N, C-alpha and C. Protein backbone atom coordinates (compact mmCIF):
# COMPACT_ATOMS: atom_id res chain seq x y z
N MET A 1 156.11 -31.25 41.41
CA MET A 1 156.77 -31.58 42.64
C MET A 1 157.65 -32.79 42.39
N SER A 2 158.93 -32.64 42.64
CA SER A 2 159.84 -33.71 42.27
C SER A 2 160.35 -34.50 43.47
N SER A 3 160.84 -33.84 44.50
CA SER A 3 161.38 -34.56 45.65
C SER A 3 160.67 -34.08 46.90
N GLU A 4 161.13 -34.57 48.04
CA GLU A 4 160.51 -34.18 49.29
C GLU A 4 160.41 -32.67 49.44
N ILE A 5 159.33 -32.26 50.03
CA ILE A 5 159.16 -30.85 50.34
C ILE A 5 159.59 -30.68 51.79
N ARG A 6 160.59 -29.82 52.00
CA ARG A 6 161.12 -29.61 53.35
C ARG A 6 160.75 -28.20 53.80
N ILE A 7 160.05 -28.17 54.94
CA ILE A 7 159.61 -26.89 55.45
C ILE A 7 159.45 -26.97 56.97
N ASP A 8 160.00 -26.00 57.66
CA ASP A 8 159.82 -25.86 59.10
C ASP A 8 160.11 -27.15 59.86
N GLY A 9 161.24 -27.83 59.50
CA GLY A 9 161.64 -29.05 60.18
C GLY A 9 160.84 -30.28 59.81
N LEU A 10 160.08 -30.19 58.73
CA LEU A 10 159.22 -31.28 58.28
C LEU A 10 159.54 -31.63 56.85
N ALA A 11 159.63 -32.91 56.54
CA ALA A 11 159.79 -33.36 55.15
C ALA A 11 158.54 -34.13 54.78
N ILE A 12 157.94 -33.76 53.66
CA ILE A 12 156.71 -34.41 53.24
C ILE A 12 156.82 -34.79 51.77
N ALA A 13 156.39 -35.99 51.45
CA ALA A 13 156.42 -36.45 50.06
C ALA A 13 155.39 -35.65 49.26
N PRO A 14 155.75 -35.26 48.04
CA PRO A 14 154.81 -34.50 47.21
C PRO A 14 153.48 -35.24 47.00
N GLU A 15 153.55 -36.55 46.93
CA GLU A 15 152.33 -37.34 46.72
C GLU A 15 151.37 -37.20 47.90
N VAL A 16 151.93 -37.14 49.10
CA VAL A 16 151.10 -36.99 50.29
C VAL A 16 150.40 -35.63 50.27
N LEU A 17 151.16 -34.59 49.98
CA LEU A 17 150.57 -33.25 49.90
C LEU A 17 149.52 -33.20 48.80
N SER A 18 149.81 -33.83 47.68
CA SER A 18 148.87 -33.87 46.55
C SER A 18 147.55 -34.53 46.94
N ILE A 19 147.62 -35.63 47.68
CA ILE A 19 146.40 -36.32 48.11
C ILE A 19 145.58 -35.44 49.04
N ILE A 20 146.25 -34.80 50.00
CA ILE A 20 145.55 -33.93 50.94
C ILE A 20 144.83 -32.81 50.20
N ILE A 21 145.53 -32.17 49.29
CA ILE A 21 144.96 -31.04 48.55
C ILE A 21 143.86 -31.51 47.60
N SER A 22 144.11 -32.59 46.87
CA SER A 22 143.12 -33.11 45.91
C SER A 22 141.79 -33.43 46.59
N ARG A 23 141.87 -34.12 47.71
CA ARG A 23 140.63 -34.51 48.41
C ARG A 23 139.85 -33.28 48.86
N SER A 24 140.54 -32.25 49.32
CA SER A 24 139.83 -31.06 49.78
C SER A 24 139.22 -30.29 48.61
N VAL A 25 139.95 -30.22 47.50
CA VAL A 25 139.46 -29.47 46.34
C VAL A 25 138.29 -30.19 45.67
N GLU A 26 138.34 -31.51 45.61
CA GLU A 26 137.26 -32.27 44.97
C GLU A 26 135.93 -32.13 45.71
N GLU A 27 135.96 -31.69 46.96
CA GLU A 27 134.73 -31.47 47.73
C GLU A 27 134.09 -30.12 47.45
N VAL A 28 134.79 -29.25 46.72
CA VAL A 28 134.24 -27.93 46.40
C VAL A 28 133.17 -28.09 45.31
N GLU A 29 131.99 -27.54 45.57
CA GLU A 29 130.91 -27.63 44.61
C GLU A 29 131.30 -26.89 43.32
N GLY A 30 131.17 -27.58 42.19
CA GLY A 30 131.51 -26.99 40.90
C GLY A 30 132.81 -27.54 40.32
N ILE A 31 133.56 -28.27 41.14
CA ILE A 31 134.81 -28.86 40.66
C ILE A 31 134.51 -30.25 40.10
N ALA A 32 134.87 -30.48 38.84
CA ALA A 32 134.68 -31.78 38.22
C ALA A 32 135.83 -32.72 38.57
N SER A 33 137.05 -32.19 38.54
CA SER A 33 138.22 -33.00 38.90
C SER A 33 139.41 -32.10 39.15
N VAL A 34 140.38 -32.68 39.83
CA VAL A 34 141.67 -32.01 39.99
C VAL A 34 142.52 -32.51 38.84
N GLY A 35 143.05 -31.58 38.05
CA GLY A 35 143.76 -31.95 36.83
C GLY A 35 142.77 -32.12 35.69
N VAL A 36 143.31 -32.52 34.54
CA VAL A 36 142.47 -32.72 33.35
C VAL A 36 142.29 -34.21 33.14
N ARG A 37 141.06 -34.66 33.12
CA ARG A 37 140.77 -36.08 32.90
C ARG A 37 139.96 -36.26 31.64
N ASP A 38 140.41 -35.66 30.60
CA ASP A 38 139.72 -35.72 29.31
C ASP A 38 140.55 -36.60 28.38
N LEU A 39 140.00 -37.72 27.94
CA LEU A 39 140.74 -38.67 27.12
C LEU A 39 141.23 -38.04 25.83
N ALA A 40 140.38 -37.26 25.16
CA ALA A 40 140.79 -36.64 23.89
C ALA A 40 141.95 -35.68 24.11
N THR A 41 141.88 -34.87 25.13
CA THR A 41 142.96 -33.93 25.43
C THR A 41 144.25 -34.67 25.76
N ASN A 42 144.14 -35.73 26.54
CA ASN A 42 145.31 -36.51 26.89
C ASN A 42 145.95 -37.16 25.67
N LEU A 43 145.14 -37.67 24.74
CA LEU A 43 145.68 -38.28 23.53
C LEU A 43 146.37 -37.26 22.64
N VAL A 44 145.78 -36.08 22.48
CA VAL A 44 146.39 -35.03 21.67
C VAL A 44 147.73 -34.62 22.25
N SER A 45 147.81 -34.50 23.57
CA SER A 45 149.07 -34.09 24.19
C SER A 45 150.15 -35.14 24.03
N MET A 46 149.76 -36.41 23.94
CA MET A 46 150.75 -37.48 23.75
C MET A 46 151.43 -37.36 22.39
N PHE A 47 150.70 -36.89 21.38
CA PHE A 47 151.23 -36.83 20.02
C PHE A 47 151.69 -35.44 19.61
N SER A 48 151.63 -34.51 20.52
CA SER A 48 152.01 -33.13 20.24
C SER A 48 153.34 -32.81 20.93
N ALA A 49 154.14 -31.98 20.28
CA ALA A 49 155.42 -31.57 20.88
C ALA A 49 155.19 -30.52 21.97
N LYS A 50 154.09 -29.80 21.87
CA LYS A 50 153.78 -28.74 22.82
C LYS A 50 153.05 -29.32 24.04
N PRO A 51 153.53 -29.05 25.26
CA PRO A 51 152.85 -29.59 26.44
C PRO A 51 151.47 -28.97 26.61
N SER A 52 150.51 -29.79 26.98
CA SER A 52 149.16 -29.28 27.23
C SER A 52 148.92 -29.25 28.73
N ALA A 53 147.77 -28.73 29.10
CA ALA A 53 147.43 -28.65 30.52
C ALA A 53 147.39 -30.04 31.16
N SER A 54 147.02 -31.05 30.37
CA SER A 54 146.92 -32.39 30.94
C SER A 54 148.27 -33.01 31.24
N SER A 55 149.34 -32.49 30.62
CA SER A 55 150.67 -33.04 30.89
C SER A 55 151.35 -32.35 32.07
N LEU A 56 150.76 -31.28 32.57
CA LEU A 56 151.30 -30.58 33.73
C LEU A 56 150.78 -31.25 35.00
N PRO A 57 151.57 -31.24 36.06
CA PRO A 57 151.08 -31.86 37.31
C PRO A 57 149.86 -31.12 37.84
N PRO A 58 148.87 -31.86 38.35
CA PRO A 58 147.66 -31.19 38.83
C PRO A 58 147.91 -30.33 40.06
N ILE A 59 148.94 -30.66 40.84
CA ILE A 59 149.25 -29.89 42.04
C ILE A 59 150.76 -29.70 42.13
N GLU A 60 151.16 -28.46 42.35
CA GLU A 60 152.57 -28.14 42.54
C GLU A 60 152.70 -27.32 43.82
N ALA A 61 153.81 -27.49 44.50
CA ALA A 61 154.06 -26.72 45.72
C ALA A 61 155.50 -26.28 45.78
N GLU A 62 155.71 -25.03 46.15
CA GLU A 62 157.05 -24.48 46.34
C GLU A 62 157.12 -23.90 47.75
N VAL A 63 158.29 -24.04 48.35
CA VAL A 63 158.50 -23.48 49.68
C VAL A 63 158.93 -22.03 49.52
N GLU A 64 158.25 -21.14 50.23
CA GLU A 64 158.59 -19.72 50.27
C GLU A 64 158.75 -19.34 51.73
N GLY A 65 160.01 -19.30 52.17
CA GLY A 65 160.26 -19.02 53.59
C GLY A 65 159.78 -20.19 54.42
N ASP A 66 158.79 -19.94 55.28
CA ASP A 66 158.23 -21.00 56.10
C ASP A 66 156.80 -21.34 55.69
N ARG A 67 156.45 -21.02 54.43
CA ARG A 67 155.10 -21.25 53.93
C ARG A 67 155.15 -21.93 52.57
N LEU A 68 154.01 -22.42 52.13
CA LEU A 68 153.91 -23.07 50.83
C LEU A 68 153.17 -22.19 49.82
N HIS A 69 153.66 -22.18 48.61
CA HIS A 69 152.97 -21.54 47.48
C HIS A 69 152.48 -22.70 46.63
N ILE A 70 151.18 -22.83 46.49
CA ILE A 70 150.57 -23.99 45.85
C ILE A 70 149.87 -23.59 44.56
N THR A 71 150.03 -24.42 43.53
CA THR A 71 149.30 -24.27 42.28
C THR A 71 148.42 -25.50 42.11
N VAL A 72 147.14 -25.27 41.84
CA VAL A 72 146.18 -26.35 41.65
C VAL A 72 145.53 -26.20 40.28
N ARG A 73 145.56 -27.27 39.49
CA ARG A 73 144.92 -27.28 38.18
C ARG A 73 143.63 -28.08 38.29
N VAL A 74 142.53 -27.47 37.84
CA VAL A 74 141.22 -28.11 37.98
C VAL A 74 140.43 -28.10 36.68
N THR A 75 139.48 -29.01 36.62
CA THR A 75 138.44 -29.02 35.59
C THR A 75 137.15 -28.68 36.32
N VAL A 76 136.37 -27.76 35.76
CA VAL A 76 135.17 -27.29 36.45
C VAL A 76 133.92 -27.58 35.62
N PHE A 77 132.79 -27.60 36.31
CA PHE A 77 131.51 -27.75 35.63
C PHE A 77 131.06 -26.40 35.09
N PHE A 78 130.48 -26.41 33.92
CA PHE A 78 129.93 -25.20 33.32
C PHE A 78 128.82 -24.66 34.21
N GLY A 79 128.76 -23.33 34.31
CA GLY A 79 127.69 -22.69 35.06
C GLY A 79 128.10 -22.16 36.42
N TYR A 80 129.31 -22.48 36.84
CA TYR A 80 129.82 -21.97 38.12
C TYR A 80 130.77 -20.81 37.83
N PRO A 81 130.57 -19.66 38.44
CA PRO A 81 131.46 -18.52 38.19
C PRO A 81 132.90 -18.83 38.60
N PHE A 82 133.82 -18.61 37.68
CA PHE A 82 135.22 -18.97 37.89
C PHE A 82 135.83 -18.29 39.11
N LYS A 83 135.55 -17.02 39.29
CA LYS A 83 136.15 -16.28 40.41
C LYS A 83 135.71 -16.86 41.76
N LYS A 84 134.43 -17.18 41.88
CA LYS A 84 133.92 -17.76 43.13
C LYS A 84 134.48 -19.16 43.34
N LEU A 85 134.61 -19.93 42.27
CA LEU A 85 135.21 -21.26 42.37
C LEU A 85 136.65 -21.16 42.86
N ALA A 86 137.40 -20.25 42.28
CA ALA A 86 138.81 -20.09 42.67
C ALA A 86 138.92 -19.71 44.14
N GLU A 87 138.04 -18.82 44.61
CA GLU A 87 138.05 -18.43 46.02
C GLU A 87 137.74 -19.63 46.92
N ALA A 88 136.77 -20.45 46.51
CA ALA A 88 136.41 -21.63 47.31
C ALA A 88 137.54 -22.65 47.32
N VAL A 89 138.22 -22.81 46.18
CA VAL A 89 139.36 -23.73 46.10
C VAL A 89 140.48 -23.24 47.01
N ARG A 90 140.78 -21.96 46.95
CA ARG A 90 141.84 -21.39 47.81
C ARG A 90 141.53 -21.64 49.28
N ALA A 91 140.30 -21.38 49.68
CA ALA A 91 139.91 -21.57 51.08
C ALA A 91 140.03 -23.04 51.49
N ALA A 92 139.61 -23.96 50.61
CA ALA A 92 139.68 -25.39 50.91
C ALA A 92 141.14 -25.85 51.05
N VAL A 93 142.01 -25.35 50.18
CA VAL A 93 143.42 -25.74 50.21
C VAL A 93 144.08 -25.23 51.49
N VAL A 94 143.87 -23.97 51.82
CA VAL A 94 144.47 -23.39 53.03
C VAL A 94 144.00 -24.15 54.27
N LYS A 95 142.72 -24.43 54.35
CA LYS A 95 142.18 -25.15 55.50
C LYS A 95 142.77 -26.56 55.60
N ALA A 96 142.85 -27.27 54.48
CA ALA A 96 143.37 -28.64 54.48
C ALA A 96 144.85 -28.69 54.84
N VAL A 97 145.64 -27.81 54.24
CA VAL A 97 147.08 -27.81 54.50
C VAL A 97 147.36 -27.39 55.95
N ASP A 98 146.67 -26.37 56.41
CA ASP A 98 146.86 -25.93 57.79
C ASP A 98 146.43 -27.01 58.77
N GLY A 99 145.27 -27.62 58.52
CA GLY A 99 144.73 -28.61 59.43
C GLY A 99 145.50 -29.92 59.44
N GLN A 100 145.92 -30.39 58.29
CA GLN A 100 146.58 -31.70 58.19
C GLN A 100 148.09 -31.62 58.34
N VAL A 101 148.69 -30.62 57.70
CA VAL A 101 150.15 -30.51 57.69
C VAL A 101 150.65 -29.56 58.78
N GLY A 102 149.85 -28.53 59.07
CA GLY A 102 150.25 -27.57 60.09
C GLY A 102 151.22 -26.53 59.57
N VAL A 103 151.19 -26.28 58.28
CA VAL A 103 152.09 -25.32 57.64
C VAL A 103 151.23 -24.25 56.98
N GLY A 104 151.69 -23.01 57.04
CA GLY A 104 150.97 -21.92 56.41
C GLY A 104 151.09 -21.93 54.91
N VAL A 105 150.15 -21.27 54.25
CA VAL A 105 150.12 -21.18 52.80
C VAL A 105 150.25 -19.71 52.41
N SER A 106 151.26 -19.39 51.60
CA SER A 106 151.46 -18.00 51.19
C SER A 106 150.53 -17.62 50.04
N ALA A 107 150.26 -18.57 49.14
CA ALA A 107 149.38 -18.29 48.00
C ALA A 107 148.88 -19.60 47.41
N VAL A 108 147.70 -19.54 46.80
CA VAL A 108 147.15 -20.67 46.05
C VAL A 108 146.76 -20.14 44.68
N ASP A 109 147.49 -20.59 43.67
CA ASP A 109 147.14 -20.24 42.29
C ASP A 109 146.21 -21.32 41.75
N VAL A 110 145.07 -20.90 41.22
CA VAL A 110 144.09 -21.83 40.68
C VAL A 110 144.07 -21.68 39.16
N CYS A 111 144.36 -22.78 38.48
CA CYS A 111 144.36 -22.80 37.01
C CYS A 111 143.18 -23.64 36.55
N ILE A 112 142.25 -23.02 35.84
CA ILE A 112 141.10 -23.74 35.30
C ILE A 112 141.51 -24.23 33.92
N ASP A 113 141.80 -25.54 33.84
CA ASP A 113 142.34 -26.12 32.61
C ASP A 113 141.33 -26.91 31.81
N GLY A 114 140.12 -27.07 32.34
CA GLY A 114 139.11 -27.82 31.61
C GLY A 114 137.71 -27.41 32.05
N LEU A 115 136.76 -27.64 31.15
CA LEU A 115 135.37 -27.27 31.42
C LEU A 115 134.48 -28.43 30.99
N VAL A 116 133.57 -28.83 31.88
CA VAL A 116 132.66 -29.94 31.60
C VAL A 116 131.27 -29.37 31.42
N PHE A 117 130.66 -29.69 30.28
CA PHE A 117 129.29 -29.23 30.00
C PHE A 117 128.30 -30.31 30.40
N PRO A 118 127.10 -29.90 30.87
CA PRO A 118 126.10 -30.91 31.24
C PRO A 118 125.62 -31.64 30.00
N LYS A 119 125.28 -32.91 30.18
CA LYS A 119 124.74 -33.70 29.07
C LYS A 119 123.29 -33.32 28.89
N GLU A 120 122.89 -33.17 27.63
CA GLU A 120 121.51 -32.76 27.37
C GLU A 120 120.71 -33.91 26.83
């Protein structure tokens, strides 16, 4: 997200939308973080010519007509079924955007970019 998102007579800063979405997604059971917060992965991407998941924005939004198409990148805890997590993330995003911004969501793409294993 680079500049203001303009939709249905409303302009919203991408950072504001990102905060709203991040807070709702982080409340979903099984989500470790929004985006990749792995120091090793971040260091490798700094020295690599190829972009990694950690260099991509954790939340992106595009306007499609009068609705938003949202992409959310998450790190999840091991042991939670990916499909159910994605469904829960989609529901949380739609509810948060509708409730806080008042704009419809056409789609929510969920990208699982990291996996956290329990410490033994």
